[in-house]
Amino acid sequence: MLQDYSVRQLNNHEYRDWLLNKHYAKRLCSVSYAFGLIDLDQNVVGVITFGCPPNRLFNDGKCIFSNIKVKTMELNRLVLNSDTPKNSASFFIMKAINKLPKPLAIVSYADPNNHHHGYVYQATNWLYTGTSTPKYKYTFEDGSINDIRRDQDSTNMHTKFIKGNVVSKEEMLPTYRYIYIHADKRDKKNLVKDMRWDIEQYPKGLNKNYECIDIKMKAQLDLF
């Protein structure tokens, strides 16, 4: 049962393997805060991370709000073992967010290219604000893959440099963009009114879980 689980902040070595070996992206990301879902046996059975958005225009909420400046972060990874109870993801997200400082705007994306629609964000009352700029997926001769936003395609220096090594180029579906305002009631009301993006109806579709390993790891008792 969920009341048997707790949420605790993690150190780098406690979440690194989860991001590299369990999350479908298979790569590290910017992490400012990482939390673990801890079971009664003190095993880490889930990891969630928050970090600086890759787009620098999100700093202080410039992309999100018209006039108000507020610290902005991205919920950039969420992974759980397959044997966690029902509703573990929504429980975990909200417990972790409540450990973050206020006021804070949090952005996260659900990727339909990986059969995700953001149902966990819908269940926890995030605001859906439409889709992101579409991307192209480049596959290179060495087997590596790089995603580049469509509006950067003609000017991205990295793409120009490795242009001769591109094996294939595929247009991807745009990701679904969700916003959560972590703030006191008055601040939240003002921030929502100041948003640049319209709040839209939640997208629907068929989700599909991807296969991945389960990781069992004892939680570190003390953080230094």
C-alpha atoms as a PDB file:
ATOM      1  CA  MET A   1       0.000   0.000   0.000  1.00  0.00           C
ATOM      2  CA  LEU A   2       1.181   3.519  -0.764  1.00  0.00           C
ATOM      3  CA  GLN A   3       1.196   4.571   2.882  1.00  0.00           C
ATOM      4  CA  ASP A   4       4.076   2.131   3.350  1.00  0.00           C
ATOM      5  CA  TYR A   5       6.257   4.162   0.966  1.00  0.00           C
ATOM      6  CA  SER A   6       8.264   7.301   1.632  1.00  0.00           C
ATOM      7  CA  VAL A   7      10.055   9.831  -0.580  1.00  0.00           C
ATOM      8  CA  ARG A   8      13.635  10.873   0.119  1.00  0.00           C
ATOM      9  CA  GLN A   9      16.206  13.055  -1.645  1.00  0.00           C
ATOM     10  CA  LEU A  10      18.970  11.099  -3.423  1.00  0.00           C
ATOM     11  CA  ASN A  11      22.642  11.621  -4.125  1.00  0.00           C
ATOM     12  CA  ASN A  12      24.165  11.391  -7.615  1.00  0.00           C
ATOM     13  CA  HIS A  13      25.331   7.782  -7.320  1.00  0.00           C
ATOM     14  CA  GLU A  14      21.879   6.684  -6.142  1.00  0.00           C
ATOM     15  CA  TYR A  15      20.003   7.826  -9.256  1.00  0.00           C
ATOM     16  CA  ARG A  16      22.673   7.589 -11.979  1.00  0.00           C
ATOM     17  CA  ASP A  17      22.071   3.910 -12.875  1.00  0.00           C
ATOM     18  CA  TRP A  18      18.328   4.491 -12.998  1.00  0.00           C
ATOM     19  CA  LEU A  19      18.683   7.195 -15.647  1.00  0.00           C
ATOM     20  CA  LEU A  20      21.262   5.343 -17.721  1.00  0.00           C
ATOM     21  CA  ASN A  21      19.864   1.819 -17.547  1.00  0.00           C
ATOM     22  CA  LYS A  22      16.133   2.052 -16.860  1.00  0.00           C
ATOM     23  CA  HIS A  23      14.743   5.238 -18.435  1.00  0.00           C
ATOM     24  CA  TYR A  24      14.075   4.885 -22.178  1.00  0.00           C
ATOM     25  CA  ALA A  25      16.250   7.933 -23.001  1.00  0.00           C
ATOM     26  CA  LYS A  26      19.358   6.052 -21.743  1.00  0.00           C
ATOM     27  CA  ARG A  27      21.217   9.265 -20.978  1.00  0.00           C
ATOM     28  CA  LEU A  28      21.858  11.626 -18.105  1.00  0.00           C
ATOM     29  CA  CYS A  29      20.136  14.998 -17.866  1.00  0.00           C
ATOM     30  CA  SER A  30      20.459  18.187 -15.860  1.00  0.00           C
ATOM     31  CA  VAL A  31      19.564  17.326 -12.250  1.00  0.00           C
ATOM     32  CA  SER A  32      19.081  19.885  -9.492  1.00  0.00           C
ATOM     33  CA  TYR A  33      16.897  17.685  -7.283  1.00  0.00           C
ATOM     34  CA  ALA A  34      16.501  13.904  -7.294  1.00  0.00           C
ATOM     35  CA  PHE A  35      14.146  11.900  -5.097  1.00  0.00           C
ATOM     36  CA  GLY A  36      13.668   8.213  -4.520  1.00  0.00           C
ATOM     37  CA  LEU A  37      10.511   6.261  -3.750  1.00  0.00           C
ATOM     38  CA  ILE A  38      11.488   4.092  -0.777  1.00  0.00           C
ATOM     39  CA  ASP A  39       9.713   0.900   0.322  1.00  0.00           C
ATOM     40  CA  LEU A  40       9.475  -0.578   3.829  1.00  0.00           C
ATOM     41  CA  ASP A  41      12.711  -2.521   3.306  1.00  0.00           C
ATOM     42  CA  GLN A  42      14.515   0.741   2.491  1.00  0.00           C
ATOM     43  CA  ASN A  43      14.885  -0.138  -1.183  1.00  0.00           C
ATOM     44  CA  VAL A  44      14.780   2.594  -3.821  1.00  0.00           C
ATOM     45  CA  VAL A  45      11.967   1.462  -6.138  1.00  0.00           C
ATOM     46  CA  GLY A  46      11.537   4.659  -8.160  1.00  0.00           C
ATOM     47  CA  VAL A  47      13.426   7.816  -9.119  1.00  0.00           C
ATOM     48  CA  ILE A  48      12.233  11.286 -10.112  1.00  0.00           C
ATOM     49  CA  THR A  49      14.500  14.186 -11.112  1.00  0.00           C
ATOM     50  CA  PHE A  50      14.058  17.916 -11.636  1.00  0.00           C
ATOM     51  CA  GLY A  51      16.559  20.141 -13.420  1.00  0.00           C
ATOM     52  CA  CYS A  52      17.106  23.267 -15.488  1.00  0.00           C
ATOM     53  CA  PRO A  53      15.166  23.198 -18.782  1.00  0.00           C
ATOM     54  CA  PRO A  54      17.459  22.892 -21.843  1.00  0.00           C
ATOM     55  CA  ASN A  55      15.852  26.003 -23.329  1.00  0.00           C
ATOM     56  CA  ARG A  56      17.464  28.972 -21.555  1.00  0.00           C
ATOM     57  CA  LEU A  57      14.383  31.078 -22.355  1.00  0.00           C
ATOM     58  CA  PHE A  58      12.558  29.132 -19.646  1.00  0.00           C
ATOM     59  CA  ASN A  59      14.794  30.787 -17.028  1.00  0.00           C
ATOM     60  CA  ASP A  60      12.621  32.834 -14.656  1.00  0.00           C
ATOM     61  CA  GLY A  61       9.592  31.653 -16.608  1.00  0.00           C
ATOM     62  CA  LYS A  62      10.217  33.915 -19.622  1.00  0.00           C
ATOM     63  CA  CYS A  63       8.602  31.461 -22.045  1.00  0.00           C
ATOM     64  CA  ILE A  64       5.686  30.696 -19.778  1.00  0.00           C
ATOM     65  CA  PHE A  65       4.638  34.006 -18.228  1.00  0.00           C
ATOM     66  CA  SER A  66       4.151  37.496 -19.636  1.00  0.00           C
ATOM     67  CA  ASN A  67       5.209  39.672 -16.708  1.00  0.00           C
ATOM     68  CA  ILE A  68       5.951  37.602 -13.607  1.00  0.00           C
ATOM     69  CA  LYS A  69       9.397  36.154 -13.026  1.00  0.00           C
ATOM     70  CA  VAL A  70       9.508  32.832 -11.202  1.00  0.00           C
ATOM     71  CA  LYS A  71      12.081  30.060 -10.962  1.00  0.00           C
ATOM     72  CA  THR A  72      11.348  27.378 -13.544  1.00  0.00           C
ATOM     73  CA  MET A  73      12.434  23.740 -13.562  1.00  0.00           C
ATOM     74  CA  GLU A  74      11.714  20.665 -15.668  1.00  0.00           C
ATOM     75  CA  LEU A  75      10.527  17.328 -14.367  1.00  0.00           C
ATOM     76  CA  ASN A  76      12.853  15.490 -16.702  1.00  0.00           C
ATOM     77  CA  ARG A  77      12.856  11.861 -15.518  1.00  0.00           C
ATOM     78  CA  LEU A  78      10.340   9.597 -13.802  1.00  0.00           C
ATOM     79  CA  VAL A  79      11.029   5.860 -13.518  1.00  0.00           C
ATOM     80  CA  LEU A  80       9.426   3.190 -11.336  1.00  0.00           C
ATOM     81  CA  ASN A  81       9.889  -0.519 -10.863  1.00  0.00           C
ATOM     82  CA  SER A  82       7.147  -2.676 -12.335  1.00  0.00           C
ATOM     83  CA  ASP A  83       5.999  -4.090  -8.981  1.00  0.00           C
ATOM     84  CA  THR A  84       5.107  -0.766  -7.328  1.00  0.00           C
ATOM     85  CA  PRO A  85       1.439  -0.354  -6.283  1.00  0.00           C
ATOM     86  CA  LYS A  86      -1.251   1.223  -8.450  1.00  0.00           C
ATOM     87  CA  ASN A  87      -1.109   5.041  -8.502  1.00  0.00           C
ATOM     88  CA  SER A  88       2.529   5.023  -7.350  1.00  0.00           C
ATOM     89  CA  ALA A  89       3.549   7.502 -10.051  1.00  0.00           C
ATOM     90  CA  SER A  90       1.032  10.185  -9.077  1.00  0.00           C
ATOM     91  CA  PHE A  91       1.763   9.633  -5.370  1.00  0.00           C
ATOM     92  CA  PHE A  92       5.499   9.923  -6.032  1.00  0.00           C
ATOM     93  CA  ILE A  93       5.237  13.056  -8.176  1.00  0.00           C
ATOM     94  CA  MET A  94       3.241  15.021  -5.642  1.00  0.00           C
ATOM     95  CA  LYS A  95       5.325  13.917  -2.648  1.00  0.00           C
ATOM     96  CA  ALA A  96       8.474  14.996  -4.509  1.00  0.00           C
ATOM     97  CA  ILE A  97       7.044  18.346  -5.664  1.00  0.00           C
ATOM     98  CA  ASN A  98       6.013  19.149  -2.096  1.00  0.00           C
ATOM     99  CA  LYS A  99       9.685  18.917  -1.113  1.00  0.00           C
ATOM    100  CA  LEU A 100      10.675  21.596  -3.639  1.00  0.00           C
ATOM    101  CA  PRO A 101      10.902  25.316  -2.800  1.00  0.00           C
ATOM    102  CA  LYS A 102       8.033  27.715  -3.566  1.00  0.00           C
ATOM    103  CA  PRO A 103       7.167  29.514  -5.765  1.00  0.00           C
ATOM    104  CA  LEU A 104       8.177  27.330  -8.675  1.00  0.00           C
ATOM    105  CA  ALA A 105       6.913  26.630 -12.184  1.00  0.00           C
ATOM    106  CA  ILE A 106       7.535  23.076 -13.376  1.00  0.00           C
ATOM    107  CA  VAL A 107       7.357  22.013 -17.007  1.00  0.00           C
ATOM    108  CA  SER A 108       7.275  18.433 -18.208  1.00  0.00           C
ATOM    109  CA  TYR A 109       6.647  16.643 -21.476  1.00  0.00           C
ATOM    110  CA  ALA A 110       4.889  13.446 -22.482  1.00  0.00           C
ATOM    111  CA  ASP A 111       6.311  11.885 -25.627  1.00  0.00           C
ATOM    112  CA  PRO A 112       3.771  10.274 -27.994  1.00  0.00           C
ATOM    113  CA  ASN A 113       6.724   8.884 -29.967  1.00  0.00           C
ATOM    114  CA  ASN A 114       7.152   6.576 -26.972  1.00  0.00           C
ATOM    115  CA  HIS A 115       3.385   6.071 -26.527  1.00  0.00           C
ATOM    116  CA  HIS A 116       3.057   8.505 -23.600  1.00  0.00           C
ATOM    117  CA  HIS A 117       0.221  11.021 -23.282  1.00  0.00           C
ATOM    118  CA  GLY A 118       0.789  12.404 -19.808  1.00  0.00           C
ATOM    119  CA  TYR A 119      -1.983  10.621 -17.921  1.00  0.00           C
ATOM    120  CA  VAL A 120       0.002  10.843 -14.683  1.00  0.00           C
ATOM    121  CA  TYR A 121       0.123  14.647 -15.098  1.00  0.00           C
ATOM    122  CA  GLN A 122      -3.575  14.726 -15.822  1.00  0.00           C
ATOM    123  CA  ALA A 123      -4.234  12.699 -12.648  1.00  0.00           C
ATOM    124  CA  THR A 124      -2.234  15.208 -10.584  1.00  0.00           C
ATOM    125  CA  ASN A 125      -3.907  18.334 -12.036  1.00  0.00           C
ATOM    126  CA  TRP A 126      -1.117  19.712 -14.201  1.00  0.00           C
ATOM    127  CA  LEU A 127      -2.086  22.278 -16.833  1.00  0.00           C
ATOM    128  CA  TYR A 128      -1.896  21.087 -20.431  1.00  0.00           C
ATOM    129  CA  THR A 129      -0.637  23.865 -22.718  1.00  0.00           C
ATOM    130  CA  GLY A 130      -0.367  22.224 -26.133  1.00  0.00           C
ATOM    131  CA  THR A 131       2.571  20.719 -27.952  1.00  0.00           C
ATOM    132  CA  SER A 132       6.236  21.602 -28.228  1.00  0.00           C
ATOM    133  CA  THR A 133       8.122  22.449 -31.404  1.00  0.00           C
ATOM    134  CA  PRO A 134       8.412  19.247 -33.491  1.00  0.00           C
ATOM    135  CA  LYS A 135      11.786  17.529 -33.827  1.00  0.00           C
ATOM    136  CA  TYR A 136      13.719  15.491 -36.342  1.00  0.00           C
ATOM    137  CA  LYS A 137      15.430  12.275 -35.255  1.00  0.00           C
ATOM    138  CA  TYR A 138      18.827  11.771 -36.893  1.00  0.00           C
ATOM    139  CA  THR A 139      20.495   8.371 -36.983  1.00  0.00           C
ATOM    140  CA  PHE A 140      24.236   8.403 -37.640  1.00  0.00           C
ATOM    141  CA  GLU A 141      26.677   5.874 -39.103  1.00  0.00           C
ATOM    142  CA  ASP A 142      27.985   4.964 -35.645  1.00  0.00           C
ATOM    143  CA  GLY A 143      24.448   4.044 -34.489  1.00  0.00           C
ATOM    144  CA  SER A 144      23.979   7.139 -32.306  1.00  0.00           C
ATOM    145  CA  ILE A 145      20.729   9.100 -32.397  1.00  0.00           C
ATOM    146  CA  ASN A 146      20.220  12.837 -31.932  1.00  0.00           C
ATOM    147  CA  ASP A 147      16.951  14.786 -31.669  1.00  0.00           C
ATOM    148  CA  ILE A 148      16.994  18.336 -33.062  1.00  0.00           C
ATOM    149  CA  ARG A 149      14.071  20.731 -33.080  1.00  0.00           C
ATOM    150  CA  ARG A 150      12.675  21.400 -36.533  1.00  0.00           C
ATOM    151  CA  ASP A 151      13.178  25.169 -36.328  1.00  0.00           C
ATOM    152  CA  GLN A 152      16.888  24.601 -35.600  1.00  0.00           C
ATOM    153  CA  ASP A 153      17.410  22.111 -38.415  1.00  0.00           C
ATOM    154  CA  SER A 154      18.937  24.468 -40.974  1.00  0.00           C
ATOM    155  CA  THR A 155      21.207  26.353 -38.576  1.00  0.00           C
ATOM    156  CA  ASN A 156      22.335  23.824 -35.963  1.00  0.00           C
ATOM    157  CA  MET A 157      26.134  23.703 -36.156  1.00  0.00           C
ATOM    158  CA  HIS A 158      26.336  20.134 -34.893  1.00  0.00           C
ATOM    159  CA  THR A 159      24.070  18.972 -37.704  1.00  0.00           C
ATOM    160  CA  LYS A 160      26.200  20.764 -40.299  1.00  0.00           C
ATOM    161  CA  PHE A 161      29.368  19.229 -38.891  1.00  0.00           C
ATOM    162  CA  ILE A 162      28.135  15.635 -39.077  1.00  0.00           C
ATOM    163  CA  LYS A 163      25.888  16.040 -42.128  1.00  0.00           C
ATOM    164  CA  GLY A 164      27.871  13.508 -44.142  1.00  0.00           C
ATOM    165  CA  ASN A 165      27.450  10.877 -41.400  1.00  0.00           C
ATOM    166  CA  VAL A 166      23.649  10.990 -41.273  1.00  0.00           C
ATOM    167  CA  VAL A 167      22.070   7.664 -42.215  1.00  0.00           C
ATOM    168  CA  SER A 168      18.424   8.658 -41.792  1.00  0.00           C
ATOM    169  CA  LYS A 169      16.278  11.609 -40.797  1.00  0.00           C
ATOM    170  CA  GLU A 170      12.786  11.103 -39.398  1.00  0.00           C
ATOM    171  CA  GLU A 171      10.215  13.717 -38.380  1.00  0.00           C
ATOM    172  CA  MET A 172       8.901  13.044 -34.879  1.00  0.00           C
ATOM    173  CA  LEU A 173       5.541  13.827 -33.328  1.00  0.00           C
ATOM    174  CA  PRO A 174       5.562  16.943 -31.116  1.00  0.00           C
ATOM    175  CA  THR A 175       5.567  16.247 -27.389  1.00  0.00           C
ATOM    176  CA  TYR A 176       2.703  17.173 -25.060  1.00  0.00           C
ATOM    177  CA  ARG A 177       3.637  20.039 -22.735  1.00  0.00           C
ATOM    178  CA  TYR A 178       2.387  20.207 -19.134  1.00  0.00           C
ATOM    179  CA  ILE A 179       2.881  22.937 -16.514  1.00  0.00           C
ATOM    180  CA  TYR A 180       2.554  22.663 -12.734  1.00  0.00           C
ATOM    181  CA  ILE A 181       2.493  25.783 -10.557  1.00  0.00           C
ATOM    182  CA  HIS A 182       3.988  24.980  -7.147  1.00  0.00           C
ATOM    183  CA  ALA A 183       3.038  28.037  -5.130  1.00  0.00           C
ATOM    184  CA  ASP A 184       0.783  29.364  -2.421  1.00  0.00           C
ATOM    185  CA  LYS A 185      -2.847  29.931  -3.400  1.00  0.00           C
ATOM    186  CA  ARG A 186      -2.544  33.645  -4.209  1.00  0.00           C
ATOM    187  CA  ASP A 187       0.744  33.295  -6.117  1.00  0.00           C
ATOM    188  CA  LYS A 188      -0.631  30.345  -8.063  1.00  0.00           C
ATOM    189  CA  LYS A 189      -3.726  32.299  -9.110  1.00  0.00           C
ATOM    190  CA  ASN A 190      -1.605  35.222 -10.332  1.00  0.00           C
ATOM    191  CA  LEU A 191       0.806  32.968 -12.202  1.00  0.00           C
ATOM    192  CA  VAL A 192      -1.962  31.093 -13.986  1.00  0.00           C
ATOM    193  CA  LYS A 193      -3.540  34.403 -15.086  1.00  0.00           C
ATOM    194  CA  ASP A 194      -0.152  35.589 -16.398  1.00  0.00           C
ATOM    195  CA  MET A 195       0.558  32.511 -18.523  1.00  0.00           C
ATOM    196  CA  ARG A 196       1.412  33.092 -22.177  1.00  0.00           C
ATOM    197  CA  TRP A 197      -0.019  29.749 -23.271  1.00  0.00           C
ATOM    198  CA  ASP A 198      -3.677  28.819 -23.304  1.00  0.00           C
ATOM    199  CA  ILE A 199      -4.792  25.948 -21.108  1.00  0.00           C
ATOM    200  CA  GLU A 200      -6.172  23.232 -23.380  1.00  0.00           C
ATOM    201  CA  GLN A 201      -8.114  19.999 -22.961  1.00  0.00           C
ATOM    202  CA  TYR A 202      -6.053  16.983 -22.026  1.00  0.00           C
ATOM    203  CA  PRO A 203      -4.884  14.792 -24.930  1.00  0.00           C
ATOM    204  CA  LYS A 204      -6.012  11.175 -25.032  1.00  0.00           C
ATOM    205  CA  GLY A 205      -4.609   8.076 -26.636  1.00  0.00           C
ATOM    206  CA  LEU A 206      -3.427   4.533 -26.025  1.00  0.00           C
ATOM    207  CA  ASN A 207      -0.433   4.303 -23.726  1.00  0.00           C
ATOM    208  CA  LYS A 208       2.105   1.518 -24.086  1.00  0.00           C
ATOM    209  CA  ASN A 209       4.667   0.548 -21.468  1.00  0.00           C
ATOM    210  CA  TYR A 210       8.183  -0.156 -22.653  1.00  0.00           C
ATOM    211  CA  GLU A 211      10.148  -3.131 -21.350  1.00  0.00           C
ATOM    212  CA  CYS A 212      13.014  -2.374 -18.995  1.00  0.00           C
ATOM    213  CA  ILE A 213      14.871  -3.868 -16.072  1.00  0.00           C
ATOM    214  CA  ASP A 214      13.802  -3.450 -12.468  1.00  0.00           C
ATOM    215  CA  ILE A 215      16.449  -2.062 -10.126  1.00  0.00           C
ATOM    216  CA  LYS A 216      16.610  -2.957  -6.449  1.00  0.00           C
ATOM    217  CA  MET A 217      18.970  -0.786  -4.432  1.00  0.00           C
ATOM    218  CA  LYS A 218      19.203   0.044  -0.761  1.00  0.00           C
ATOM    219  CA  ALA A 219      18.626   3.708   0.070  1.00  0.00           C
ATOM    220  CA  GLN A 220      21.483   5.604   1.695  1.00  0.00           C
ATOM    221  CA  LEU A 221      20.493   6.419   5.247  1.00  0.00           C
ATOM    222  CA  ASP A 222      22.104   9.854   5.515  1.00  0.00           C
ATOM    223  CA  LEU A 223      22.859  12.563   2.961  1.00  0.00           C
ATOM    224  CA  PHE A 224      26.004  14.672   3.270  1.00  0.00           C
END
